[in-house]
Protein backbone atom coordinates (compact mmCIF):
# COMPACT_ATOMS: atom_id res chain seq x y z
CA MET A 1 4.18 38.88 4.77
CA ASN A 2 7.55 37.81 3.37
CA SER A 3 8.64 41.42 3.01
CA ASN A 4 7.73 42.02 6.65
CA LEU A 5 9.94 39.12 7.72
CA GLN A 6 12.84 40.48 5.71
CA LEU A 7 12.42 43.99 7.08
CA ALA A 8 12.21 42.69 10.63
CA THR A 9 15.95 42.03 10.53
CA ARG A 10 16.52 45.76 10.11
CA VAL A 11 15.25 46.51 13.62
CA ASN A 12 17.54 45.70 16.54
CA SER A 13 16.26 43.65 19.45
CA ALA A 14 17.06 46.56 21.78
CA GLU A 15 14.67 48.79 19.83
CA LEU A 16 11.86 46.27 20.28
CA ALA A 17 12.49 45.59 23.96
CA ASN A 18 9.55 46.49 26.19
CA PHE A 19 10.45 49.53 28.27
CA SER A 20 8.94 50.06 31.73
CA PRO A 21 10.05 53.51 32.95
CA PHE A 22 8.85 52.98 36.51
CA GLN A 23 11.19 50.05 37.14
CA TYR A 24 14.14 52.35 36.44
CA LEU A 25 12.98 54.44 39.39
CA ASP A 26 13.14 51.47 41.75
CA PRO A 27 16.27 51.88 43.94
CA SER A 28 16.79 48.12 43.82
CA PHE A 29 16.68 47.94 40.01
CA TYR A 30 20.27 49.09 39.57
CA THR A 31 22.55 47.14 41.87
CA LEU A 32 26.22 47.45 42.76
CA ARG A 33 26.77 44.52 40.42
CA ASP A 34 25.58 46.58 37.42
CA TYR A 35 28.04 49.38 38.15
CA PHE A 36 30.83 46.95 39.00
CA GLY A 37 30.21 45.27 35.64
CA CYS A 38 30.74 48.63 33.89
CA PHE A 39 33.94 49.13 35.88
CA LEU A 40 35.32 45.71 34.90
CA ARG A 41 34.48 46.33 31.24
CA GLY A 42 36.36 49.62 31.41
CA VAL A 43 39.34 47.88 33.00
CA SER A 44 39.23 45.26 30.24
CA CYS A 45 39.32 47.99 27.60
CA GLY A 46 42.32 49.50 29.37
CA LEU A 47 44.15 46.18 29.27
CA ILE A 48 43.33 45.82 25.58
CA LEU A 49 44.75 49.29 24.89
CA ASN A 50 47.91 48.31 26.73
CA ALA A 51 48.17 44.93 24.99
CA PRO A 52 51.33 45.89 23.00
CA VAL A 53 53.16 46.80 26.23
CA ILE A 54 51.94 43.63 27.94
CA LEU A 55 53.15 41.52 24.99
CA LEU A 56 56.54 43.22 25.11
CA GLY A 57 56.62 42.46 28.82
CA ILE A 58 56.56 38.77 28.04
CA VAL A 59 59.88 39.24 26.28
CA SER A 60 61.21 41.76 28.80
CA PRO A 61 59.70 41.22 32.27
CA SER A 62 61.56 44.25 33.61
CA LEU A 63 59.65 46.46 31.15
CA LEU A 64 56.34 45.04 32.32
CA ILE A 65 57.25 45.61 35.97
CA GLY A 66 58.23 49.19 35.23
CA MET A 67 55.08 49.90 33.24
CA PHE A 68 52.70 48.05 35.55
CA PRO A 69 51.65 51.16 37.56
CA CYS A 70 50.85 52.99 34.31
CA ILE A 71 48.90 50.04 32.90
CA ALA A 72 46.96 49.60 36.13
CA GLY A 73 46.27 53.33 36.38
CA ILE A 74 44.96 53.65 32.82
CA SER A 75 42.79 50.55 33.19
CA CYS A 76 41.26 51.69 36.50
CA LEU A 77 40.72 55.19 35.10
CA LEU A 78 38.76 53.76 32.16
CA GLY A 79 36.73 51.68 34.60
CA VAL A 80 35.82 54.82 36.55
CA ILE A 81 34.95 56.64 33.30
CA PHE A 82 32.62 53.81 32.26
CA VAL A 83 30.83 54.00 35.62
CA ALA A 84 30.58 57.79 35.33
CA VAL A 85 29.08 57.59 31.83
CA ALA A 86 26.51 55.01 32.93
CA SER A 87 25.61 57.11 35.98
CA SER A 88 25.24 60.25 33.87
CA PHE A 89 22.69 58.56 31.62
CA ARG A 90 20.72 57.40 34.63
CA SER A 91 20.77 60.95 35.99
CA GLY A 92 19.70 62.23 32.57
CA PHE A 93 16.80 59.79 32.58
CA LEU A 94 15.65 60.96 36.00
CA ASP A 95 15.95 64.59 34.91
CA GLN A 96 13.89 64.06 31.74
CA LEU A 97 11.33 62.10 33.72
CA SER A 98 10.96 64.92 36.25
CA ARG A 99 10.49 67.48 33.46
CA GLY A 100 8.38 65.55 30.95
CA GLY A 101 6.87 62.71 32.96
CA VAL A 102 6.58 59.10 31.85
CA ALA A 103 5.03 60.24 28.57
CA ALA A 104 8.47 61.48 27.50
CA PHE A 105 9.53 57.84 27.20
CA LEU A 106 6.36 55.80 26.74
CA THR A 107 2.69 56.69 26.35
CA TYR A 108 -0.59 54.82 25.97
CA GLU A 109 -3.78 55.70 24.14
CA ASP A 110 -7.00 53.67 24.40
CA VAL A 111 -9.23 53.96 21.33
CA ASN A 112 -12.76 52.70 20.79
CA LEU A 113 -11.80 50.80 17.67
CA PRO A 114 -11.19 47.14 16.88
CA ALA A 115 -7.54 46.23 16.40
CA SER A 116 -7.82 46.16 12.59
CA HIS A 117 -9.11 49.75 12.43
CA ALA A 118 -6.70 50.94 15.13
CA PHE A 119 -3.88 49.46 13.06
CA GLU A 120 -4.89 51.60 10.07
CA LEU A 121 -5.07 54.64 12.34
CA CYS A 122 -1.53 53.95 13.56
CA LEU A 123 -0.29 53.63 9.99
CA ALA A 124 -1.77 57.03 9.22
CA ALA A 125 -0.21 58.48 12.38
CA ALA A 126 3.18 57.14 11.30
CA MET A 127 2.86 58.49 7.78
CA GLN A 128 2.17 62.06 8.89
CA ILE A 129 5.64 62.27 10.47
CA ARG A 130 8.15 64.02 8.27
CA SER A 131 11.05 61.92 6.91
CA ALA A 132 9.48 58.72 8.26
CA LEU A 133 9.48 55.28 6.64
CA ILE A 134 7.74 52.15 7.87
CA VAL A 135 10.43 49.50 8.26
CA GLN A 136 8.36 46.77 9.89
CA SER A 137 4.67 46.01 10.33
CA GLN A 138 2.80 43.11 11.86
CA GLU A 139 -0.89 43.55 11.21
CA CYS A 140 -2.91 44.44 14.32
CA GLN A 141 0.20 44.00 16.48
CA ARG A 142 3.11 46.34 15.81
CA ILE A 143 4.46 49.05 13.54
CA CYS A 144 8.09 50.24 13.47
CA VAL A 145 8.83 53.59 11.88
CA ARG A 146 12.30 54.90 11.05
CA VAL A 147 12.66 58.69 11.20
CA LYS A 148 15.65 60.34 9.55
CA SER A 149 17.65 62.34 12.07
CA VAL A 150 21.07 62.41 13.75
CA PRO A 151 21.01 59.69 14.85
CA ASP A 152 17.95 58.13 13.25
CA ARG A 153 15.00 57.33 15.49
CA THR A 154 12.71 54.32 15.61
CA ILE A 155 9.12 54.75 16.74
CA VAL A 156 7.59 51.49 17.94
CA ILE A 157 3.79 51.38 18.05
CA ARG A 158 2.20 48.33 19.70
CA LEU A 159 -1.47 47.35 19.71
CA ASP A 160 -3.25 45.24 22.32
CA SER A 161 -6.94 44.34 22.17
CA LEU A 162 -8.53 45.14 25.53
CA ARG A 163 -12.01 43.90 24.67
CA LYS A 164 -14.32 43.82 21.69
CA GLY A 165 -14.17 47.16 19.93
CA LYS A 166 -11.42 48.67 22.11
CA THR A 167 -7.65 48.72 21.57
CA ARG A 168 -4.73 50.01 23.62
CA ILE A 169 -1.97 51.66 21.61
CA SER A 170 1.49 52.10 23.18
CA ILE A 171 4.05 54.43 21.62
CA ASP A 172 7.77 54.28 22.28
CA CYS A 173 10.71 55.99 20.57
CA VAL A 174 14.43 55.17 20.65
CA LYS A 175 17.63 56.08 18.86
CA HIS A 176 18.54 53.72 16.04
CA TRP A 177 21.94 52.10 16.03
CA ASN A 178 23.29 49.67 13.48
CA PRO A 179 23.83 46.09 14.74
CA ILE A 180 27.54 46.66 15.42
CA GLN A 181 26.92 49.81 17.46
CA ALA A 182 24.08 48.17 19.39
CA LYS A 183 26.17 45.12 20.24
CA LEU A 184 29.14 47.27 21.28
CA VAL A 185 27.07 49.38 23.69
CA ARG A 186 25.42 46.26 25.12
CA GLN A 187 28.77 44.58 25.69
CA LEU A 188 30.35 47.65 27.27
CA PHE A 189 27.51 48.79 29.53
CA GLY A 190 24.94 45.98 29.80
CA ARG A 191 21.30 45.80 28.74
CA LYS A 192 19.92 47.97 31.54
CA PHE A 193 22.06 50.97 30.67
CA GLU A 194 21.66 50.27 26.96
CA GLN A 195 17.95 51.04 27.23
CA LEU A 196 18.72 54.41 28.80
CA PHE A 197 21.34 55.18 26.15
CA LEU A 198 18.64 54.59 23.52
CA ARG A 199 16.16 56.95 25.15
CA VAL A 200 17.99 59.78 26.92
CA ASP A 201 18.41 62.55 24.35
CA ASP A 202 17.71 66.22 23.64
CA GLY A 203 13.95 65.71 23.67
CA GLN A 204 13.38 64.55 20.09
CA ASN A 205 12.19 61.11 21.23
CA ALA A 206 9.54 62.74 23.44
CA GLU A 207 8.53 65.07 20.61
CA LEU A 208 7.96 62.18 18.19
CA ILE A 209 6.01 60.23 20.81
CA ALA A 210 3.79 63.26 21.49
CA LYS A 211 3.24 63.96 17.79
CA THR A 212 2.15 60.38 17.14
CA ALA A 213 -0.10 60.29 20.21
CA ASP A 214 -1.70 63.65 19.33
CA PHE A 215 -2.68 62.41 15.88
CA ILE A 216 -4.32 59.34 17.41
CA LYS A 217 -6.17 61.41 20.04
CA GLU A 218 -7.39 63.96 17.50
CA THR A 219 -9.09 61.33 15.33
CA PRO A 220 -11.31 59.37 17.76
CA ASN A 221 -13.81 58.34 15.06
CA TRP A 222 -11.28 57.04 12.57
CA ASP A 223 -12.59 55.73 9.28
CA TYR A 224 -9.78 55.28 6.80
CA MET A 225 -12.20 54.81 3.91
CA TYR A 226 -13.82 58.17 4.68
CA GLU A 227 -10.53 59.90 5.38
CA GLY A 228 -9.21 58.81 1.99
CA PHE A 229 -6.38 56.80 3.53
CA LYS A 230 -5.05 54.02 1.30
CA PRO A 231 -2.43 51.85 3.05
CA PRO A 232 -0.89 50.47 -0.20
CA THR A 233 0.13 53.97 -1.35
CA LYS A 234 2.90 54.03 1.24
CA GLN A 235 5.31 51.24 0.54
CA LEU A 236 7.39 49.61 3.20
CA ALA A 237 10.97 50.77 2.87
CA SER A 238 14.11 48.84 3.69
CA VAL A 239 16.97 50.65 5.37
CA ARG A 240 20.65 50.08 5.52
């Protein structure tokens, strides 16, 4: 259990955030305030880039007055670029959703197994993925799997007991960013757009979700003792 607690720090909070694709389709979910926030952050970056000129303007006000149109133009341009980038990821999300459905971002599988057995099944599903390492596990609750790629991916498998002998398994997949990258994206674009940045890609997220779900669906009568599955043989691996 101690190793699990240590490894938990290797997974960013954004990777573990519950994702509800349908709310991103709600016209009222993204408001003018969200886009205006991106614009202001872009303007702020423009002012930071022009900080040397602004500092010189304190010494020479005439220089600041002369350069003000340029400073304002660059700052506003960056604000527009930030809004355009955020909008493009939302459009990309809608496009992937129209082509692959909700399952391209999040899928559920109900199995007729108690949570303890379903957990072992999920471990086996994770281990059959090439270049995958389990970086976090909470027995009968959650498994996080890091898959080597460019960038790396994190598959998050959650388990919820529906009733005695039945478990719902949810499978999500996101890009993995280090803490500095994750914080930077969150600060520049906000949490709503951050979730789309993590998920809109070339289709690899959807492929990993489908591969994990297929393994679970193809083994409805899972018995890890019979299948020869031994959880201890695959050690939890820490990542940088």
